[in-house]
Protein backbone atom coordinates (compact mmCIF):
# COMPACT_ATOMS: atom_id res chain seq x y z
CA MET A 1 -5.73 4.64 -10.18
CA ALA A 2 -8.21 2.55 -8.20
CA LEU A 3 -5.72 0.52 -6.13
CA LYS A 4 -6.43 0.32 -2.40
CA CYS A 5 -4.41 -0.45 0.73
CA GLY A 6 -6.30 -2.07 3.60
CA ILE A 7 -5.40 -1.42 7.25
CA VAL A 8 -5.91 -4.65 9.19
CA GLY A 9 -5.18 -6.05 12.64
CA LEU A 10 -6.79 -7.37 15.80
CA PRO A 11 -9.34 -5.13 17.53
CA ASN A 12 -7.89 -2.27 19.62
CA VAL A 13 -4.41 -2.10 18.06
CA GLY A 14 -4.81 1.47 16.76
CA LYS A 15 -6.09 0.92 13.20
CA SER A 16 -8.81 3.59 13.25
CA THR A 17 -6.57 6.12 15.02
CA LEU A 18 -3.95 5.66 12.30
CA PHE A 19 -6.57 5.81 9.56
CA ASN A 20 -7.78 9.14 10.95
CA CYS A 21 -4.23 10.53 10.98
CA VAL A 22 -3.45 9.34 7.47
CA SER A 23 -6.75 10.32 5.86
CA LYS A 24 -7.51 13.37 8.04
CA THR A 25 -11.01 12.01 8.60
CA LYS A 26 -12.87 11.12 11.79
CA ALA A 27 -13.59 7.39 11.78
CA GLN A 28 -14.78 6.27 15.20
CA SER A 29 -12.05 4.87 17.46
CA ALA A 30 -12.67 3.64 21.01
CA ASN A 31 -11.35 1.34 23.73
CA PHE A 32 -13.52 -1.68 22.90
CA PRO A 33 -13.48 -4.44 20.26
CA PHE A 34 -15.32 -3.99 16.94
CA CYS A 35 -15.59 -0.22 17.21
CA THR A 36 -15.15 -0.35 13.42
CA ILE A 37 -17.86 -2.45 11.76
CA GLU A 38 -18.30 -1.02 8.28
CA PRO A 39 -14.97 -0.25 6.57
CA ASN A 40 -13.92 3.41 6.40
CA TYR A 41 -12.60 4.66 3.06
CA GLY A 42 -10.26 7.58 2.52
CA THR A 43 -8.41 9.22 -0.37
CA ILE A 44 -5.04 10.49 0.81
CA SER A 45 -2.43 12.77 -0.74
CA VAL A 46 0.99 11.19 -1.15
CA PRO A 47 3.69 13.47 0.33
CA ASP A 48 6.40 14.06 -2.27
CA PRO A 49 9.17 16.62 -1.60
CA ARG A 50 9.88 16.77 -5.35
CA LEU A 51 6.66 18.75 -5.83
CA GLU A 52 7.98 21.52 -3.58
CA VAL A 53 11.21 21.71 -5.60
CA LEU A 54 9.29 21.89 -8.89
CA GLU A 55 7.00 24.55 -7.43
CA GLY A 56 10.03 26.65 -6.48
CA ILE A 57 11.36 26.51 -10.04
CA VAL A 58 8.12 26.95 -12.01
CA ASN A 59 6.02 29.06 -9.58
CA PRO A 60 2.72 27.61 -10.90
CA GLU A 61 -0.80 28.76 -10.07
CA ARG A 62 -1.46 25.48 -8.29
CA VAL A 63 0.22 22.24 -7.23
CA VAL A 64 -1.67 18.93 -7.27
CA PRO A 65 -0.19 15.90 -5.47
CA THR A 66 -0.98 12.33 -6.40
CA THR A 67 -3.37 10.28 -4.25
CA MET A 68 -4.11 6.73 -3.16
CA GLU A 69 -7.03 4.91 -1.54
CA ILE A 70 -6.86 3.51 1.99
CA VAL A 71 -9.41 1.38 3.86
CA ASP A 72 -9.82 0.88 7.63
CA ILE A 73 -11.20 -2.65 8.02
CA ALA A 74 -12.99 -4.15 11.03
CA GLY A 75 -10.78 -5.97 13.57
CA LEU A 76 -10.33 -9.68 13.02
CA VAL A 77 -10.36 -12.34 15.77
CA LYS A 78 -9.48 -16.03 16.05
CA GLY A 79 -12.09 -18.06 14.15
CA ALA A 80 -12.76 -15.36 11.53
CA SER A 81 -12.31 -17.87 8.69
CA LYS A 82 -15.33 -19.71 10.15
CA GLY A 83 -17.35 -16.52 10.58
CA GLU A 84 -16.41 -15.65 14.19
CA GLY A 85 -16.69 -11.98 15.17
CA LEU A 86 -17.04 -10.05 11.95
CA GLY A 87 -14.98 -12.66 10.13
CA ASN A 88 -16.94 -13.08 6.91
CA GLN A 89 -17.34 -9.34 6.48
CA PHE A 90 -13.69 -8.67 7.31
CA LEU A 91 -12.46 -11.24 4.80
CA ALA A 92 -14.74 -9.91 2.06
CA ASN A 93 -13.47 -6.37 2.70
CA ILE A 94 -9.81 -7.37 2.65
CA ARG A 95 -10.26 -9.39 -0.55
CA GLU A 96 -11.21 -6.12 -2.29
CA THR A 97 -7.90 -4.45 -1.39
CA ASP A 98 -4.62 -4.73 -3.30
CA ALA A 99 -2.15 -4.62 -0.40
CA ILE A 100 -2.24 -4.96 3.38
CA ILE A 101 -0.99 -2.67 6.15
CA HIS A 102 -0.92 -5.01 9.17
CA VAL A 103 -0.99 -3.00 12.43
CA LEU A 104 0.56 -4.68 15.46
CA ARG A 105 0.32 -3.41 19.02
CA CYS A 106 3.86 -2.97 20.36
CA PHE A 107 3.20 -0.99 23.55
CA ASP A 108 2.05 -1.66 27.11
CA ASP A 109 -0.91 0.26 28.51
CA GLY A 110 -3.18 -1.21 31.16
CA ASN A 111 -5.90 1.28 30.24
CA ILE A 112 -6.28 -0.09 26.70
CA ILE A 113 -7.94 -3.49 26.42
CA HIS A 114 -6.22 -6.29 24.48
CA VAL A 115 -8.64 -8.90 23.17
CA ASP A 116 -6.30 -11.73 24.24
CA GLY A 117 -5.42 -10.21 27.61
CA SER A 118 -1.71 -9.51 26.99
CA VAL A 119 0.60 -7.75 24.54
CA ASN A 120 2.31 -10.15 22.14
CA PRO A 121 2.63 -8.80 18.57
CA VAL A 122 4.06 -12.04 17.12
CA ARG A 123 1.09 -14.05 18.46
CA ASP A 124 -1.28 -11.35 17.12
CA LYS A 125 0.37 -11.54 13.70
CA GLU A 126 0.08 -15.32 13.63
CA ILE A 127 -3.62 -15.20 14.55
CA ILE A 128 -4.39 -13.08 11.50
CA ASP A 129 -2.00 -15.02 9.23
CA ILE A 130 -3.67 -18.30 10.15
CA GLU A 131 -7.19 -16.97 9.57
CA LEU A 132 -6.27 -15.58 6.15
CA GLN A 133 -4.46 -18.81 5.22
CA LEU A 134 -7.44 -20.93 6.33
CA LYS A 135 -9.79 -18.85 4.18
CA ASP A 136 -7.47 -19.23 1.18
CA LEU A 137 -7.20 -22.98 1.84
CA GLU A 138 -10.99 -23.22 1.75
CA SER A 139 -11.05 -21.35 -1.59
CA VAL A 140 -8.30 -23.51 -3.12
CA GLU A 141 -9.92 -26.76 -2.01
CA LYS A 142 -13.15 -25.69 -3.69
CA LYS A 143 -11.21 -24.90 -6.87
CA ILE A 144 -9.44 -28.30 -6.83
CA ALA A 145 -12.82 -30.02 -6.42
CA SER A 146 -14.23 -28.17 -9.41
CA LEU A 147 -11.14 -28.95 -11.54
CA ALA A 148 -11.41 -32.67 -10.68
CA ARG A 149 -14.59 -32.85 -12.73
CA VAL A 150 -12.81 -31.82 -15.93
CA LEU A 151 -9.29 -33.24 -15.44
CA LYS A 152 -10.09 -36.31 -17.55
CA THR A 153 -10.28 -34.13 -20.66
CA GLY A 154 -6.49 -33.87 -20.52
CA ASP A 155 -6.57 -30.16 -21.28
CA LYS A 156 -3.01 -28.87 -20.64
CA GLU A 157 -4.22 -25.57 -19.16
CA ILE A 158 -6.49 -27.36 -16.69
CA LEU A 159 -3.70 -29.77 -15.74
CA LYS A 160 -1.34 -26.85 -15.11
CA GLU A 161 -3.95 -25.04 -13.03
CA ASN A 162 -4.62 -28.18 -10.98
CA GLU A 163 -0.89 -28.73 -10.35
CA LEU A 164 -0.50 -25.11 -9.23
CA CYS A 165 -3.51 -25.33 -6.91
CA GLY A 166 -1.94 -28.43 -5.37
CA ARG A 167 1.29 -26.51 -4.68
CA ILE A 168 -0.69 -23.63 -3.17
CA LYS A 169 -2.65 -26.04 -0.96
CA SER A 170 0.60 -27.58 0.30
CA VAL A 171 2.09 -24.17 1.14
CA LEU A 172 -1.04 -23.09 3.02
CA GLU A 173 -1.14 -26.36 4.98
CA GLN A 174 2.43 -25.59 6.13
CA GLY A 175 1.19 -22.32 7.66
CA LYS A 176 2.78 -20.15 4.96
CA SER A 177 1.23 -17.42 2.84
CA ILE A 178 0.98 -17.73 -0.94
CA ARG A 179 3.13 -14.63 -1.48
CA SER A 180 6.09 -16.79 -0.32
CA LEU A 181 5.76 -18.89 -3.52
CA ASP A 182 8.04 -18.15 -6.46
CA LEU A 183 5.61 -17.91 -9.40
CA ASP A 184 6.19 -17.24 -13.10
CA GLU A 185 4.05 -14.80 -15.11
CA LYS A 186 1.57 -17.44 -16.27
CA GLU A 187 1.14 -18.76 -12.73
CA ILE A 188 0.61 -15.26 -11.36
CA GLU A 189 -2.14 -14.81 -13.96
CA ILE A 190 -3.84 -18.04 -12.83
CA VAL A 191 -3.54 -17.17 -9.12
CA SER A 192 -4.94 -13.67 -9.63
CA LYS A 193 -8.22 -15.16 -10.88
CA LEU A 194 -8.61 -17.11 -7.63
CA GLN A 195 -8.78 -13.85 -5.60
CA LEU A 196 -6.74 -15.27 -2.73
CA ILE A 197 -5.94 -13.05 0.23
CA THR A 198 -2.41 -14.16 1.15
CA THR A 199 -1.07 -13.28 -2.30
CA LYS A 200 -1.33 -9.61 -1.36
CA PRO A 201 1.88 -7.76 -0.41
CA VAL A 202 2.06 -6.77 3.26
CA LEU A 203 3.64 -4.01 5.35
CA TYR A 204 3.94 -4.56 9.10
CA LEU A 205 3.28 -1.43 11.13
CA CYS A 206 4.44 -1.51 14.76
CA ASN A 207 2.35 0.86 16.86
CA VAL A 208 4.59 1.96 19.76
CA ASP A 209 4.56 4.40 22.68
CA GLU A 210 6.26 7.82 22.63
CA SER A 211 9.54 6.62 24.13
CA SER A 212 9.95 3.97 21.41
CA VAL A 213 8.91 5.94 18.35
CA LYS A 214 12.46 6.70 17.18
CA THR A 215 14.35 3.47 17.85
CA GLY A 216 11.68 0.86 18.57
CA ASN A 217 11.56 -1.57 21.49
CA ALA A 218 11.71 -5.27 22.35
CA TYR A 219 8.28 -5.89 20.79
CA VAL A 220 9.45 -4.38 17.49
CA GLU A 221 12.55 -6.59 17.49
CA GLN A 222 10.33 -9.65 18.02
CA VAL A 223 8.29 -8.65 14.97
CA ARG A 224 11.40 -8.11 12.85
CA GLU A 225 12.71 -11.54 13.78
CA ALA A 226 9.34 -13.16 13.03
CA VAL A 227 9.06 -11.64 9.53
CA LYS A 228 12.73 -11.75 8.47
CA ASP A 229 12.03 -14.34 5.75
CA GLU A 230 8.90 -12.67 4.38
CA ASN A 231 10.53 -9.92 2.31
CA ALA A 232 8.20 -7.45 4.05
CA GLU A 233 8.91 -3.96 5.36
CA VAL A 234 8.54 -3.19 9.08
CA LEU A 235 7.69 0.41 10.02
CA ILE A 236 7.57 1.98 13.49
CA ILE A 237 4.88 4.54 14.24
CA GLY A 238 3.21 5.98 17.33
CA ALA A 239 -0.52 6.33 16.62
CA LYS A 240 -1.07 8.47 19.72
CA ILE A 241 1.75 10.82 18.69
CA GLU A 242 0.46 11.04 15.13
CA SER A 243 -2.99 11.89 16.50
CA ASP A 244 -1.46 14.67 18.65
CA ILE A 245 0.39 16.06 15.61
CA THR A 246 -2.81 16.32 13.57
CA GLU A 247 -4.41 18.37 16.36
CA LEU A 248 -1.74 21.11 16.11
CA ASP A 249 -2.83 24.13 14.09
CA THR A 250 0.33 25.36 12.36
CA TYR A 251 3.32 23.93 10.53
CA ASP A 252 5.69 25.56 13.05
CA GLU A 253 3.89 23.92 15.99
CA ARG A 254 4.03 20.53 14.31
CA GLN A 255 7.71 20.97 13.47
CA MET A 256 8.55 21.96 17.05
CA PHE A 257 6.74 18.87 18.34
CA LEU A 258 8.68 16.65 15.90
CA ASP A 259 11.99 18.29 16.88
CA GLU A 260 11.31 17.50 20.54
CA LEU A 261 10.87 13.84 19.60
CA GLY A 262 13.94 13.84 17.35
CA LEU A 263 11.86 13.09 14.24
CA GLU A 264 12.33 14.65 10.79
CA GLU A 265 8.72 14.21 9.65
CA PRO A 266 5.42 12.69 10.80
CA GLY A 267 5.37 8.90 10.73
CA VAL A 268 2.26 8.93 8.56
CA ASN A 269 4.31 10.47 5.72
CA ARG A 270 6.64 7.47 5.76
CA LEU A 271 3.65 5.15 6.02
CA ILE A 272 1.89 6.67 3.00
CA ARG A 273 5.05 6.52 0.86
CA SER A 274 5.68 2.90 1.91
CA ALA A 275 2.07 1.95 1.12
CA TYR A 276 2.41 3.64 -2.30
CA SER A 277 5.52 1.57 -2.99
CA LEU A 278 3.81 -1.58 -1.67
CA LEU A 279 1.16 -1.17 -4.36
CA LYS A 280 3.96 -0.94 -6.97
CA LEU A 281 2.95 2.59 -7.86
CA GLU A 282 5.17 5.29 -9.33
CA THR A 283 4.81 9.00 -10.07
CA TYR A 284 5.42 11.15 -13.11
CA PHE A 285 4.96 14.91 -13.33
CA THR A 286 3.46 17.44 -15.71
CA VAL A 287 4.95 20.88 -15.29
CA GLY A 288 3.65 24.28 -16.43
CA VAL A 289 2.87 27.77 -15.16
CA LYS A 290 -0.80 26.85 -14.75
CA GLU A 291 -0.16 23.64 -12.83
CA VAL A 292 2.51 21.34 -11.48
CA ARG A 293 0.89 17.94 -11.01
CA ALA A 294 1.87 14.45 -9.90
CA TRP A 295 0.25 11.48 -11.63
CA THR A 296 0.05 7.89 -10.38
CA ILE A 297 0.94 4.96 -12.63
CA ASN A 298 1.63 1.26 -12.19
CA LYS A 299 5.31 0.42 -12.31
CA GLY A 300 6.29 -0.69 -15.83
CA MET A 301 3.64 1.30 -17.73
CA THR A 302 4.42 2.42 -21.28
CA ALA A 303 4.14 6.08 -22.31
CA PRO A 304 0.67 5.63 -23.92
CA GLN A 305 -0.60 3.84 -20.79
CA ALA A 306 0.76 6.62 -18.60
CA ALA A 307 -0.90 9.18 -20.88
CA SER A 308 -4.28 7.47 -20.40
CA VAL A 309 -4.14 8.37 -16.69
CA ILE A 310 -4.65 11.99 -17.76
CA HIS A 311 -7.30 11.14 -20.38
CA THR A 312 -8.10 8.05 -22.44
CA ASP A 313 -7.90 10.16 -25.63
CA PHE A 314 -4.20 10.70 -24.89
CA GLU A 315 -3.60 6.97 -25.26
CA LYS A 316 -5.88 6.51 -28.28
CA GLY A 317 -4.22 9.29 -30.25
CA PHE A 318 -0.71 8.99 -28.82
CA ILE A 319 2.03 10.32 -31.09
CA ARG A 320 5.04 10.77 -28.80
CA ALA A 321 6.15 11.68 -25.29
CA GLU A 322 8.58 14.50 -24.57
CA VAL A 323 10.62 13.38 -21.57
CA MET A 324 12.85 15.10 -19.03
CA LYS A 325 14.37 13.47 -15.98
CA TYR A 326 13.46 15.17 -12.70
CA GLU A 327 17.15 15.43 -11.75
CA ASP A 328 18.07 17.13 -15.05
CA PHE A 329 15.21 19.63 -14.87
CA THR A 330 15.82 20.60 -11.25
CA THR A 331 19.60 20.80 -11.68
CA LEU A 332 19.52 22.84 -14.92
CA GLY A 333 16.48 24.91 -13.95
CA SER A 334 14.37 25.05 -17.13
CA GLU A 335 13.17 23.10 -20.14
CA ASN A 336 15.34 25.16 -22.48
CA ALA A 337 18.41 24.45 -20.39
CA VAL A 338 17.61 20.73 -20.51
CA LYS A 339 17.31 20.94 -24.32
CA ASP A 340 20.58 22.86 -24.60
CA ALA A 341 22.31 20.17 -22.56
CA GLY A 342 21.01 17.49 -24.92
CA LYS A 343 19.02 15.78 -22.19
CA PHE A 344 15.53 16.42 -23.61
CA LYS A 345 14.25 13.15 -25.10
CA VAL A 346 11.44 12.28 -27.52
CA GLU A 347 10.10 8.77 -26.94
CA GLY A 348 7.58 6.54 -28.71
CA LYS A 349 4.96 3.97 -27.77
CA GLU A 350 7.40 1.41 -26.34
CA TYR A 351 8.99 3.77 -23.81
CA ILE A 352 8.66 2.58 -20.18
CA VAL A 353 7.99 5.58 -17.97
CA GLU A 354 10.38 5.99 -15.03
CA ASP A 355 9.50 7.30 -11.59
CA GLY A 356 10.03 11.06 -11.51
CA ASN A 357 9.88 11.61 -15.27
CA ILE A 358 8.54 15.00 -16.37
CA LEU A 359 6.34 14.32 -19.41
CA HIS A 360 4.50 16.21 -22.11
CA PHE A 361 2.35 14.15 -24.45
CA ARG A 362 1.66 14.85 -28.12
CA PHE A 363 -1.51 13.23 -29.38
CA ASN A 364 -4.11 13.50 -32.12
CA VAL A 365 -7.69 12.18 -31.96
């Protein structure tokens, strides 16, 4: 799957530090604006405890997790929609992503510069929202101008597109993002061709200090209140803590560090899973003694479409899918036991794959 999540935010909020923790790479991070200029790309493994359970049952030669793409994008500043700072480059980079992880600084530290001189995550959020909305408004106005030249033809499709663009323009002028609009399938198809930025789903990531990493703080509550009507998830993470965790050599050392903080797992694990969900991705498994493997699909894919993720020939020559539910397989302990219990299913081309399905495809090319 080629879907990408973009990490965005003002300069110096911890984007590159988080990217390094998530991707286990070494993108430059420093205490000055625009440390990141060119976007950093990383392919990350999606932590899935189900793989460990399957490994314990099957004892395969290898285990392969599923992955997703993540991009660390240059910091945006006020005026970006007009080209200020690295505005044009930033907006081009973010347009290429499919979902947004918006990092907000929710900690005080006099040693770390804030581009606006004080910590205020709601103001920071609004700065970026406004710049993205202004860029989308510019794009929609250009589209309306181009449609005006052909409206007189009376073409119903053009009339519908023009009416929709007018609604979008009105929403943007009210300081709202396009994702707040309730669109039908046809309208979503029209909007997708416009490549607008504020249609993308967003996850707000509150970067906090060590004392706030478990329960949050006043800054986090301000963010939650500000986004309560956006249908967006708010996650708490401590970038400095996550960076410290990645420096520890062994699993036991990392676990001891987490125990001291009262955390069950690194925050980046929750972040990766949330980003995966934000992209509307799901996982199915193939299970055998050679390999237990997780595969990424778009939510709602049919069995032949899911098969194509392994190889396009699987879709072309699809005959059937043999399906077991993860819960049945792990509870009963083997494929034969699943069959004996009458829970082994054979499905055809119309079957919609469910998250966690264990699949075996029959095909003929």
